[in-house]
């Protein structure tokens, strides 16, 4: 399966483009910005987007969703608990001193246990609140990969001091939903370098003692 990771926007959010070589279908996760570069990846591989997944409604992860939807016609998936955050994306833009991006309707309210299929691989939605109330992670067991949004990072966890954040809740989400995944699972965090579940179990200072 094709998988390209593109850091986008001023906060360098990791946008993932997954594509199937046979069907030429694609799933894009967290198109926060740099939509023309994302489209360039799609064109290079001859891919058509079947779904846009938003792990959470912070501007650096969702800011380009409306543009990508307009260009591809693909539905946008997001957990409903983050709708209020998205409704106030102008406030988020003000925090960063940037222009408010266009918004789009959320086509599918993603829930824990939902899944999408791409090239015979299932993309499982895991509700992992704590960074925001609607934070989702996406587990692809057939690829041994987890797109963790801003829930789990290499040697760290997502911040919880922004609206909707909850420190105890994010640790509970990680313990109950993520740490039980196979140790070799590659974790693609919302920002920064990849890691693995096993590495974070044993070396992440925020998770010791869970």
Protein backbone atom coordinates (compact mmCIF):
# COMPACT_ATOMS: atom_id res chain seq x y z
CA UNK A 1 0.00 0.00 0.00
CA UNK A 2 1.16 3.51 -0.81
CA UNK A 3 1.71 5.66 2.29
CA UNK A 4 3.22 9.11 2.12
CA UNK A 5 3.54 11.43 5.13
CA UNK A 6 3.66 15.15 4.42
CA UNK A 7 4.27 17.70 7.21
CA UNK A 8 1.88 20.58 6.43
CA UNK A 9 1.26 24.11 7.66
CA UNK A 10 3.10 26.34 10.11
CA UNK A 11 2.85 23.68 12.84
CA UNK A 12 4.05 20.88 10.53
CA UNK A 13 1.11 18.54 11.10
CA UNK A 14 1.76 15.06 9.69
CA UNK A 15 -0.76 14.52 6.90
CA UNK A 16 -0.98 10.89 5.75
CA UNK A 17 -1.94 9.85 2.23
CA UNK A 18 -2.79 6.15 1.93
CA UNK A 19 -3.40 4.71 -1.51
CA UNK A 20 -4.15 1.32 -3.03
CA UNK A 21 -2.11 0.50 -6.13
CA UNK A 22 -4.84 -1.75 -7.58
CA UNK A 23 -8.06 0.23 -7.06
CA UNK A 24 -6.33 3.64 -7.17
CA UNK A 25 -8.45 4.75 -4.22
CA UNK A 26 -7.01 6.84 -1.40
CA UNK A 27 -7.69 7.97 2.14
CA UNK A 28 -6.21 11.26 3.36
CA UNK A 29 -5.83 11.82 7.11
CA UNK A 30 -5.42 15.33 8.57
CA UNK A 31 -5.08 17.64 5.53
CA UNK A 32 -4.29 20.68 7.64
CA UNK A 33 -2.74 22.80 4.86
CA UNK A 34 -0.57 22.63 1.72
CA UNK A 35 -3.43 21.14 -0.26
CA UNK A 36 -1.69 21.54 -3.61
CA UNK A 37 1.19 19.41 -2.35
CA UNK A 38 -1.28 16.76 -1.18
CA UNK A 39 -2.97 16.87 -4.58
CA UNK A 40 0.45 16.50 -6.18
CA UNK A 41 0.99 13.22 -4.30
CA UNK A 42 -2.44 12.00 -5.39
CA UNK A 43 -1.77 12.87 -9.04
CA UNK A 44 1.68 11.28 -9.00
CA UNK A 45 0.16 7.96 -7.96
CA UNK A 46 -3.05 8.39 -9.97
CA UNK A 47 -5.23 8.24 -6.86
CA UNK A 48 -8.84 9.25 -6.24
CA UNK A 49 -9.75 10.18 -2.66
CA UNK A 50 -12.60 8.13 -1.18
CA UNK A 51 -12.46 9.63 2.34
CA UNK A 52 -10.93 12.49 4.31
CA UNK A 53 -10.38 11.62 7.97
CA UNK A 54 -9.86 14.28 10.64
CA UNK A 55 -8.30 13.02 13.88
CA UNK A 56 -9.40 16.16 15.73
CA UNK A 57 -10.61 19.67 14.96
CA UNK A 58 -7.53 21.76 15.71
CA UNK A 59 -6.81 24.09 12.81
CA UNK A 60 -3.46 22.49 11.95
CA UNK A 61 -5.22 19.16 11.28
CA UNK A 62 -8.47 20.30 9.67
CA UNK A 63 -7.62 23.66 8.10
CA UNK A 64 -7.39 22.35 4.54
CA UNK A 65 -10.29 19.89 4.65
CA UNK A 66 -12.74 22.20 2.86
CA UNK A 67 -10.29 22.80 -0.01
CA UNK A 68 -9.50 19.11 -0.40
CA UNK A 69 -13.18 18.18 -0.32
CA UNK A 70 -13.94 20.82 -2.96
CA UNK A 71 -11.22 19.42 -5.22
CA UNK A 72 -11.99 15.72 -4.74
CA UNK A 73 -15.63 15.45 -3.69
CA UNK A 74 -14.60 13.07 -0.90
CA UNK A 75 -16.62 13.00 2.35
CA UNK A 76 -15.10 14.34 5.55
CA UNK A 77 -15.13 12.09 8.63
CA UNK A 78 -14.81 13.60 12.13
CA UNK A 79 -16.06 12.81 15.62
CA UNK A 80 -19.05 14.95 16.58
CA UNK A 81 -17.55 15.85 19.96
CA UNK A 82 -15.15 18.18 18.14
CA UNK A 83 -17.82 20.05 16.19
CA UNK A 84 -17.79 22.99 18.59
CA UNK A 85 -14.03 23.33 18.16
CA UNK A 86 -14.48 23.37 14.40
CA UNK A 87 -17.31 25.89 14.66
CA UNK A 88 -14.86 28.27 16.37
CA UNK A 89 -11.93 27.73 14.04
CA UNK A 90 -11.76 31.52 13.67
CA UNK A 91 -10.69 31.71 17.32
CA UNK A 92 -7.97 29.14 16.67
CA UNK A 93 -6.80 31.14 13.66
CA UNK A 94 -6.57 34.20 15.90
CA UNK A 95 -4.32 32.35 18.35
CA UNK A 96 -1.88 31.67 15.53
CA UNK A 97 -2.26 35.00 13.76
CA UNK A 98 -3.39 33.37 10.53
CA UNK A 99 -6.30 33.75 8.14
CA UNK A 100 -9.41 31.75 9.00
CA UNK A 101 -9.69 28.85 6.53
CA UNK A 102 -12.87 27.95 4.71
CA UNK A 103 -15.06 25.45 6.49
CA UNK A 104 -17.04 22.49 5.24
CA UNK A 105 -19.88 20.38 6.53
CA UNK A 106 -18.80 17.17 8.26
CA UNK A 107 -20.28 14.39 6.14
CA UNK A 108 -19.75 11.43 8.48
CA UNK A 109 -19.65 11.52 12.29
CA UNK A 110 -16.93 8.99 13.04
CA UNK A 111 -17.44 6.85 16.12
CA UNK A 112 -15.40 4.36 18.07
CA UNK A 113 -15.56 1.01 16.29
CA UNK A 114 -16.30 2.43 12.85
CA UNK A 115 -14.08 1.31 9.98
CA UNK A 116 -13.28 2.10 6.37
CA UNK A 117 -11.75 -0.28 3.83
CA UNK A 118 -8.98 0.51 1.39
CA UNK A 119 -7.34 -2.09 -0.81
CA UNK A 120 -8.42 -4.94 1.43
CA UNK A 121 -7.10 -3.17 4.54
CA UNK A 122 -9.44 -2.03 7.30
CA UNK A 123 -8.97 1.40 8.86
CA UNK A 124 -10.36 1.16 12.41
CA UNK A 125 -11.54 4.28 14.23
CA UNK A 126 -10.57 4.46 17.90
CA UNK A 127 -12.07 7.22 20.04
CA UNK A 128 -9.15 8.50 22.13
CA UNK A 129 -10.33 11.67 23.90
CA UNK A 130 -8.10 13.78 26.09
CA UNK A 131 -6.24 16.08 23.72
CA UNK A 132 -9.72 17.09 22.55
CA UNK A 133 -13.05 15.48 23.35
CA UNK A 134 -13.43 14.18 19.81
CA UNK A 135 -9.89 12.95 19.24
CA UNK A 136 -9.71 9.83 17.10
CA UNK A 137 -6.85 7.48 16.27
CA UNK A 138 -6.86 5.27 13.19
CA UNK A 139 -5.48 1.74 13.42
CA UNK A 140 -4.64 -0.19 10.24
CA UNK A 141 -3.78 -3.72 11.44
CA UNK A 142 -3.03 -5.01 7.94
CA UNK A 143 -0.27 -2.41 7.69
CA UNK A 144 0.73 -2.56 11.38
CA UNK A 145 0.28 1.22 11.60
CA UNK A 146 -1.52 3.62 13.93
CA UNK A 147 -2.25 7.22 12.97
CA UNK A 148 -2.46 8.69 16.46
CA UNK A 149 -3.33 12.33 15.82
CA UNK A 150 -2.13 14.38 18.80
CA UNK A 151 -2.85 11.65 21.35
CA UNK A 152 0.48 9.80 21.42
CA UNK A 153 3.92 11.03 20.40
CA UNK A 154 7.46 9.69 20.48
CA UNK A 155 8.40 10.05 24.17
CA UNK A 156 5.38 12.27 24.86
CA UNK A 157 1.61 12.64 24.81
CA UNK A 158 -0.74 15.32 23.51
CA UNK A 159 -1.11 18.59 25.38
CA UNK A 160 -4.26 18.96 27.45
CA UNK A 161 -4.21 22.66 28.33
CA UNK A 162 -6.35 23.76 25.37
CA UNK A 163 -10.19 23.80 25.31
CA UNK A 164 -11.50 20.25 25.54
CA UNK A 165 -8.28 18.86 26.99
CA UNK A 166 -8.21 16.48 29.96
CA UNK A 167 -4.95 15.07 31.35
CA UNK A 168 -6.43 12.05 33.11
CA UNK A 169 -8.62 11.24 30.14
CA UNK A 170 -5.78 11.18 27.59
CA UNK A 171 -3.79 8.75 29.76
CA UNK A 172 -6.87 6.54 30.08
CA UNK A 173 -7.39 6.62 26.30
CA UNK A 174 -3.77 5.64 25.66
CA UNK A 175 -3.87 2.86 28.24
CA UNK A 176 -7.22 1.41 27.17
CA UNK A 177 -7.08 1.87 23.40
CA UNK A 178 -3.45 2.10 22.27
CA UNK A 179 -0.97 0.34 24.53
CA UNK A 180 -2.67 -3.01 23.98
CA UNK A 181 -1.99 -2.90 20.24
CA UNK A 182 0.83 -5.13 18.91
CA UNK A 183 4.21 -3.81 19.99
CA UNK A 184 5.53 -3.64 16.44
CA UNK A 185 2.75 -1.25 15.42
CA UNK A 186 4.29 1.87 13.87
CA UNK A 187 2.81 5.02 15.40
CA UNK A 188 2.47 8.06 13.12
CA UNK A 189 1.90 10.98 15.51
CA UNK A 190 0.34 14.30 14.62
CA UNK A 191 3.75 15.97 14.64
CA UNK A 192 7.32 14.78 14.62
CA UNK A 193 8.98 11.41 14.19
CA UNK A 194 7.32 8.00 14.02
CA UNK A 195 7.65 5.55 16.89
CA UNK A 196 6.26 2.14 17.88
CA UNK A 197 3.82 0.98 20.53
CA UNK A 198 6.53 -1.12 22.18
CA UNK A 199 8.92 1.82 22.39
CA UNK A 200 6.29 4.01 24.02
CA UNK A 201 5.25 1.28 26.44
CA UNK A 202 8.78 0.96 27.72
CA UNK A 203 10.36 4.40 27.25
CA UNK A 204 7.68 7.09 27.25
CA UNK A 205 8.09 8.91 30.60
CA UNK A 206 4.42 9.91 30.67
CA UNK A 207 3.24 6.30 30.48
CA UNK A 208 5.36 4.58 33.09
CA UNK A 209 3.25 3.05 35.82
CA UNK A 210 0.07 2.81 33.78
